[in-house]
Amino acid sequence: MSQELEMILAKNGAGKFDLWACRGEGKGCPRNKFRKRKKPCEDCVGPLPEHLTIGEVHQMLKRGDA
């Protein structure tokens, strides 16, 4: 079974955009389940380094490194 990875693009304090990975429902991030404008919360992973691919982020979350 394939697990979806929810990515959130959010502005930081400097006005630049950062990419975050949402752990999803059941992992402590129910606030983004029904929102149209998603925002990172304390249970989201990030900001992610620019060099990571989406596959690497998915594997990192699957292993529990984040």
PDB file of N, CA and C in Angstrom:
ATOM      1  N   MET A   1       0.834  -1.164   0.000  1.00  0.00           N
ATOM      2  CA  MET A   1       0.000   0.000   0.000  1.00  0.00           C
ATOM      3  C   MET A   1       0.891   1.243   0.000  1.00  0.00           C
ATOM      4  N   SER A   2       0.599   2.192  -0.850  1.00  0.00           N
ATOM      5  CA  SER A   2       1.382   3.405  -0.995  1.00  0.00           C
ATOM      6  C   SER A   2       0.897   4.479  -0.035  1.00  0.00           C
ATOM      7  N   GLN A   3       1.840   5.111   0.645  1.00  0.00           N
ATOM      8  CA  GLN A   3       1.504   6.180   1.574  1.00  0.00           C
ATOM      9  C   GLN A   3       1.766   7.514   0.888  1.00  0.00           C
ATOM     10  N   GLU A   4       0.795   8.446   0.972  1.00  0.00           N
ATOM     11  CA  GLU A   4       0.969   9.756   0.360  1.00  0.00           C
ATOM     12  C   GLU A   4       1.838  10.630   1.240  1.00  0.00           C
ATOM     13  N   LEU A   5       2.591  11.506   0.588  1.00  0.00           N
ATOM     14  CA  LEU A   5       3.435  12.452   1.288  1.00  0.00           C
ATOM     15  C   LEU A   5       2.890  13.845   1.022  1.00  0.00           C
ATOM     16  N   GLU A   6       2.498  14.538   2.068  1.00  0.00           N
ATOM     17  CA  GLU A   6       1.944  15.888   1.953  1.00  0.00           C
ATOM     18  C   GLU A   6       3.078  16.886   2.148  1.00  0.00           C
ATOM     19  N   MET A   7       3.286  17.741   1.165  1.00  0.00           N
ATOM     20  CA  MET A   7       4.323  18.763   1.242  1.00  0.00           C
ATOM     21  C   MET A   7       3.655  20.122   1.439  1.00  0.00           C
ATOM     22  N   ILE A   8       4.271  20.963   2.263  1.00  0.00           N
ATOM     23  CA  ILE A   8       3.744  22.287   2.557  1.00  0.00           C
ATOM     24  C   ILE A   8       4.811  23.314   2.228  1.00  0.00           C
ATOM     25  N   LEU A   9       4.468  24.289   1.421  1.00  0.00           N
ATOM     26  CA  LEU A   9       5.353  25.395   1.090  1.00  0.00           C
ATOM     27  C   LEU A   9       4.871  26.599   1.895  1.00  0.00           C
ATOM     28  N   ALA A  10       5.720  27.093   2.805  1.00  0.00           N
ATOM     29  CA  ALA A  10       5.310  28.174   3.703  1.00  0.00           C
ATOM     30  C   ALA A  10       6.401  29.235   3.794  1.00  0.00           C
ATOM     31  N   LYS A  11       5.982  30.481   3.953  1.00  0.00           N
ATOM     32  CA  LYS A  11       6.928  31.584   4.115  1.00  0.00           C
ATOM     33  C   LYS A  11       7.526  31.540   5.516  1.00  0.00           C
ATOM     34  N   ASN A  12       8.822  31.847   5.583  1.00  0.00           N
ATOM     35  CA  ASN A  12       9.472  31.939   6.879  1.00  0.00           C
ATOM     36  C   ASN A  12       9.491  33.396   7.333  1.00  0.00           C
ATOM     37  N   GLY A  13      10.123  33.691   8.430  1.00  0.00           N
ATOM     38  CA  GLY A  13      10.158  35.044   8.974  1.00  0.00           C
ATOM     39  C   GLY A  13      10.870  36.048   8.084  1.00  0.00           C
ATOM     40  N   ALA A  14      11.776  35.572   7.228  1.00  0.00           N
ATOM     41  CA  ALA A  14      12.525  36.447   6.330  1.00  0.00           C
ATOM     42  C   ALA A  14      11.781  36.696   5.018  1.00  0.00           C
ATOM     43  N   GLY A  15      10.592  36.101   4.866  1.00  0.00           N
ATOM     44  CA  GLY A  15       9.812  36.287   3.646  1.00  0.00           C
ATOM     45  C   GLY A  15      10.161  35.325   2.526  1.00  0.00           C
ATOM     46  N   LYS A  16      11.032  34.363   2.796  1.00  0.00           N
ATOM     47  CA  LYS A  16      11.393  33.348   1.802  1.00  0.00           C
ATOM     48  C   LYS A  16      10.570  32.095   2.063  1.00  0.00           C
ATOM     49  N   PHE A  17      10.480  31.250   1.053  1.00  0.00           N
ATOM     50  CA  PHE A  17       9.684  30.036   1.181  1.00  0.00           C
ATOM     51  C   PHE A  17      10.531  28.854   1.634  1.00  0.00           C
ATOM     52  N   ASP A  18       9.983  28.054   2.533  1.00  0.00           N
ATOM     53  CA  ASP A  18      10.590  26.810   3.010  1.00  0.00           C
ATOM     54  C   ASP A  18       9.638  25.666   2.709  1.00  0.00           C
ATOM     55  N   LEU A  19      10.200  24.484   2.489  1.00  0.00           N
ATOM     56  CA  LEU A  19       9.397  23.297   2.224  1.00  0.00           C
ATOM     57  C   LEU A  19       9.371  22.421   3.468  1.00  0.00           C
ATOM     58  N   TRP A  20       8.187  21.966   3.817  1.00  0.00           N
ATOM     59  CA  TRP A  20       7.964  21.129   4.987  1.00  0.00           C
ATOM     60  C   TRP A  20       7.270  19.841   4.551  1.00  0.00           C
ATOM     61  N   ALA A  21       7.489  18.763   5.266  1.00  0.00           N
ATOM     62  CA  ALA A  21       6.794  17.497   5.024  1.00  0.00           C
ATOM     63  C   ALA A  21       5.839  17.255   6.183  1.00  0.00           C
ATOM     64  N   CYS A  22       4.571  17.059   5.862  1.00  0.00           N
ATOM     65  CA  CYS A  22       3.555  16.800   6.879  1.00  0.00           C
ATOM     66  C   CYS A  22       3.519  15.298   7.138  1.00  0.00           C
ATOM     67  N   ARG A  23       3.568  14.925   8.386  1.00  0.00           N
ATOM     68  CA  ARG A  23       3.537  13.500   8.739  1.00  0.00           C
ATOM     69  C   ARG A  23       2.175  12.892   8.516  1.00  0.00           C
ATOM     70  N   GLY A  24       1.140  13.723   8.473  1.00  0.00           N
ATOM     71  CA  GLY A  24      -0.196  13.233   8.163  1.00  0.00           C
ATOM     72  C   GLY A  24      -1.001  12.827   9.371  1.00  0.00           C
ATOM     73  N   GLU A  25      -2.232  12.494   9.107  1.00  0.00           N
ATOM     74  CA  GLU A  25      -3.169  12.109  10.164  1.00  0.00           C
ATOM     75  C   GLU A  25      -2.641  10.893  10.910  1.00  0.00           C
ATOM     76  N   GLY A  26      -2.792  10.921  12.201  1.00  0.00           N
ATOM     77  CA  GLY A  26      -2.320   9.806  13.021  1.00  0.00           C
ATOM     78  C   GLY A  26      -0.891   9.991  13.485  1.00  0.00           C
ATOM     79  N   LYS A  27      -0.196  10.981  12.938  1.00  0.00           N
ATOM     80  CA  LYS A  27       1.178  11.260  13.353  1.00  0.00           C
ATOM     81  C   LYS A  27       1.266  12.592  14.058  1.00  0.00           C
ATOM     82  N   GLY A  28       0.137  13.177  14.423  1.00  0.00           N
ATOM     83  CA  GLY A  28       0.152  14.399  15.197  1.00  0.00           C
ATOM     84  C   GLY A  28      -0.113  15.661  14.408  1.00  0.00           C
ATOM     85  N   CYS A  29      -0.587  15.558  13.187  1.00  0.00           N
ATOM     86  CA  CYS A  29      -0.824  16.758  12.391  1.00  0.00           C
ATOM     87  C   CYS A  29      -2.255  16.808  11.847  1.00  0.00           C
ATOM     88  N   PRO A  30      -3.260  16.744  12.711  1.00  0.00           N
ATOM     89  CA  PRO A  30      -4.638  16.798  12.218  1.00  0.00           C
ATOM     90  C   PRO A  30      -5.058  18.199  11.792  1.00  0.00           C
ATOM     91  N   ARG A  31      -4.292  19.242  12.154  1.00  0.00           N
ATOM     92  CA  ARG A  31      -4.697  20.609  11.834  1.00  0.00           C
ATOM     93  C   ARG A  31      -4.725  20.879  10.338  1.00  0.00           C
ATOM     94  N   ASN A  32      -3.958  20.164   9.551  1.00  0.00           N
ATOM     95  CA  ASN A  32      -3.891  20.404   8.108  1.00  0.00           C
ATOM     96  C   ASN A  32      -4.812  19.497   7.299  1.00  0.00           C
ATOM     97  N   LYS A  33      -5.581  18.669   7.961  1.00  0.00           N
ATOM     98  CA  LYS A  33      -6.415  17.713   7.242  1.00  0.00           C
ATOM     99  C   LYS A  33      -7.480  18.385   6.388  1.00  0.00           C
ATOM    100  N   PHE A  34      -8.094  19.462   6.879  1.00  0.00           N
ATOM    101  CA  PHE A  34      -9.192  20.092   6.153  1.00  0.00           C
ATOM    102  C   PHE A  34      -8.897  21.538   5.733  1.00  0.00           C
ATOM    103  N   ARG A  35      -7.721  22.038   6.004  1.00  0.00           N
ATOM    104  CA  ARG A  35      -7.380  23.411   5.657  1.00  0.00           C
ATOM    105  C   ARG A  35      -7.044  23.548   4.176  1.00  0.00           C
ATOM    106  N   LYS A  36      -7.453  24.660   3.584  1.00  0.00           N
ATOM    107  CA  LYS A  36      -7.063  24.935   2.200  1.00  0.00           C
ATOM    108  C   LYS A  36      -5.651  25.489   2.172  1.00  0.00           C
ATOM    109  N   ARG A  37      -5.334  26.382   3.112  1.00  0.00           N
ATOM    110  CA  ARG A  37      -3.991  26.942   3.236  1.00  0.00           C
ATOM    111  C   ARG A  37      -3.295  26.234   4.386  1.00  0.00           C
ATOM    112  N   LYS A  38      -2.471  25.297   4.045  1.00  0.00           N
ATOM    113  CA  LYS A  38      -1.803  24.506   5.066  1.00  0.00           C
ATOM    114  C   LYS A  38      -0.607  25.267   5.626  1.00  0.00           C
ATOM    115  N   LYS A  39      -0.373  25.081   6.926  1.00  0.00           N
ATOM    116  CA  LYS A  39       0.764  25.691   7.596  1.00  0.00           C
ATOM    117  C   LYS A  39       1.487  24.605   8.377  1.00  0.00           C
ATOM    118  N   PRO A  40       2.806  24.689   8.440  1.00  0.00           N
ATOM    119  CA  PRO A  40       3.537  23.697   9.227  1.00  0.00           C
ATOM    120  C   PRO A  40       3.227  23.849  10.712  1.00  0.00           C
ATOM    121  N   CYS A  41       3.132  22.725  11.389  1.00  0.00           N
ATOM    122  CA  CYS A  41       2.930  22.736  12.839  1.00  0.00           C
ATOM    123  C   CYS A  41       4.126  22.042  13.483  1.00  0.00           C
ATOM    124  N   GLU A  42       4.078  21.881  14.774  1.00  0.00           N
ATOM    125  CA  GLU A  42       5.220  21.309  15.488  1.00  0.00           C
ATOM    126  C   GLU A  42       5.498  19.859  15.106  1.00  0.00           C
ATOM    127  N   ASP A  43       4.531  19.172  14.533  1.00  0.00           N
ATOM    128  CA  ASP A  43       4.729  17.778  14.150  1.00  0.00           C
ATOM    129  C   ASP A  43       5.170  17.610  12.693  1.00  0.00           C
ATOM    130  N   CYS A  44       5.219  18.696  11.937  1.00  0.00           N
ATOM    131  CA  CYS A  44       5.707  18.622  10.556  1.00  0.00           C
ATOM    132  C   CYS A  44       7.232  18.610  10.569  1.00  0.00           C
ATOM    133  N   VAL A  45       7.833  18.088   9.517  1.00  0.00           N
ATOM    134  CA  VAL A  45       9.282  17.986   9.424  1.00  0.00           C
ATOM    135  C   VAL A  45       9.782  19.077   8.492  1.00  0.00           C
ATOM    136  N   GLY A  46      10.719  19.860   8.968  1.00  0.00           N
ATOM    137  CA  GLY A  46      11.280  20.897   8.119  1.00  0.00           C
ATOM    138  C   GLY A  46      11.780  22.066   8.935  1.00  0.00           C
ATOM    139  N   PRO A  47      12.230  23.069   8.278  1.00  0.00           N
ATOM    140  CA  PRO A  47      12.302  23.194   6.824  1.00  0.00           C
ATOM    141  C   PRO A  47      13.304  22.197   6.250  1.00  0.00           C
ATOM    142  N   LEU A  48      12.946  21.652   5.105  1.00  0.00           N
ATOM    143  CA  LEU A  48      13.769  20.627   4.468  1.00  0.00           C
ATOM    144  C   LEU A  48      14.901  21.259   3.689  1.00  0.00           C
ATOM    145  N   PRO A  49      16.094  20.626   3.698  1.00  0.00           N
ATOM    146  CA  PRO A  49      17.199  21.111   2.876  1.00  0.00           C
ATOM    147  C   PRO A  49      16.851  21.020   1.387  1.00  0.00           C
ATOM    148  N   GLU A  50      17.339  21.950   0.618  1.00  0.00           N
ATOM    149  CA  GLU A  50      17.011  22.009  -0.807  1.00  0.00           C
ATOM    150  C   GLU A  50      17.540  20.819  -1.599  1.00  0.00           C
ATOM    151  N   HIS A  51      18.583  20.160  -1.109  1.00  0.00           N
ATOM    152  CA  HIS A  51      19.206  19.071  -1.877  1.00  0.00           C
ATOM    153  C   HIS A  51      18.446  17.743  -1.780  1.00  0.00           C
ATOM    154  N   LEU A  52      17.513  17.614  -0.842  1.00  0.00           N
ATOM    155  CA  LEU A  52      16.773  16.359  -0.693  1.00  0.00           C
ATOM    156  C   LEU A  52      15.720  16.201  -1.786  1.00  0.00           C
ATOM    157  N   THR A  53      15.591  14.976  -2.266  1.00  0.00           N
ATOM    158  CA  THR A  53      14.519  14.672  -3.209  1.00  0.00           C
ATOM    159  C   THR A  53      13.289  14.245  -2.420  1.00  0.00           C
ATOM    160  N   ILE A  54      12.151  14.207  -3.082  1.00  0.00           N
ATOM    161  CA  ILE A  54      10.921  13.789  -2.406  1.00  0.00           C
ATOM    162  C   ILE A  54      11.037  12.322  -1.973  1.00  0.00           C
ATOM    163  N   GLY A  55      11.697  11.508  -2.771  1.00  0.00           N
ATOM    164  CA  GLY A  55      11.914  10.109  -2.412  1.00  0.00           C
ATOM    165  C   GLY A  55      12.745   9.977  -1.143  1.00  0.00           C
ATOM    166  N   GLU A  56      13.773  10.811  -1.009  1.00  0.00           N
ATOM    167  CA  GLU A  56      14.614  10.775   0.187  1.00  0.00           C
ATOM    168  C   GLU A  56      13.829  11.220   1.425  1.00  0.00           C
ATOM    169  N   VAL A  57      12.974  12.222   1.265  1.00  0.00           N
ATOM    170  CA  VAL A  57      12.141  12.681   2.380  1.00  0.00           C
ATOM    171  C   VAL A  57      11.174  11.573   2.793  1.00  0.00           C
ATOM    172  N   HIS A  58      10.571  10.910   1.801  1.00  0.00           N
ATOM    173  CA  HIS A  58       9.635   9.823   2.088  1.00  0.00           C
ATOM    174  C   HIS A  58      10.336   8.697   2.835  1.00  0.00           C
ATOM    175  N   GLN A  59      11.546   8.340   2.421  1.00  0.00           N
ATOM    176  CA  GLN A  59      12.298   7.284   3.099  1.00  0.00           C
ATOM    177  C   GLN A  59      12.692   7.716   4.519  1.00  0.00           C
ATOM    178  N   MET A  60      13.050   8.993   4.688  1.00  0.00           N
ATOM    179  CA  MET A  60      13.424   9.518   5.991  1.00  0.00           C
ATOM    180  C   MET A  60      12.238   9.400   6.964  1.00  0.00           C
ATOM    181  N   LEU A  61      11.037   9.755   6.502  1.00  0.00           N
ATOM    182  CA  LEU A  61       9.858   9.649   7.353  1.00  0.00           C
ATOM    183  C   LEU A  61       9.505   8.184   7.627  1.00  0.00           C
ATOM    184  N   LYS A  62       9.688   7.341   6.634  1.00  0.00           N
ATOM    185  CA  LYS A  62       9.372   5.913   6.777  1.00  0.00           C
ATOM    186  C   LYS A  62      10.296   5.240   7.801  1.00  0.00           C
ATOM    187  N   ARG A  63      11.568   5.645   7.798  1.00  0.00           N
ATOM    188  CA  ARG A  63      12.545   5.100   8.749  1.00  0.00           C
ATOM    189  C   ARG A  63      12.360   5.659  10.150  1.00  0.00           C
ATOM    190  N   GLY A  64      11.692   6.807  10.253  1.00  0.00           N
ATOM    191  CA  GLY A  64      11.507   7.434  11.550  1.00  0.00           C
ATOM    192  C   GLY A  64      12.639   8.360  11.915  1.00  0.00           C
ATOM    193  N   ASP A  65      13.439   8.773  10.923  1.00  0.00           N
ATOM    194  CA  ASP A  65      14.559   9.691  11.181  1.00  0.00           C
ATOM    195  C   ASP A  65      14.084  11.105  11.461  1.00  0.00           C
ATOM    196  N   ALA A  66      12.853  11.379  11.144  1.00  0.00           N
ATOM    197  CA  ALA A  66      12.364  12.759  11.327  1.00  0.00           C
ATOM    198  C   ALA A  66      11.259  12.797  12.358  1.00  0.00           C
TER     199      ALA A  66
END
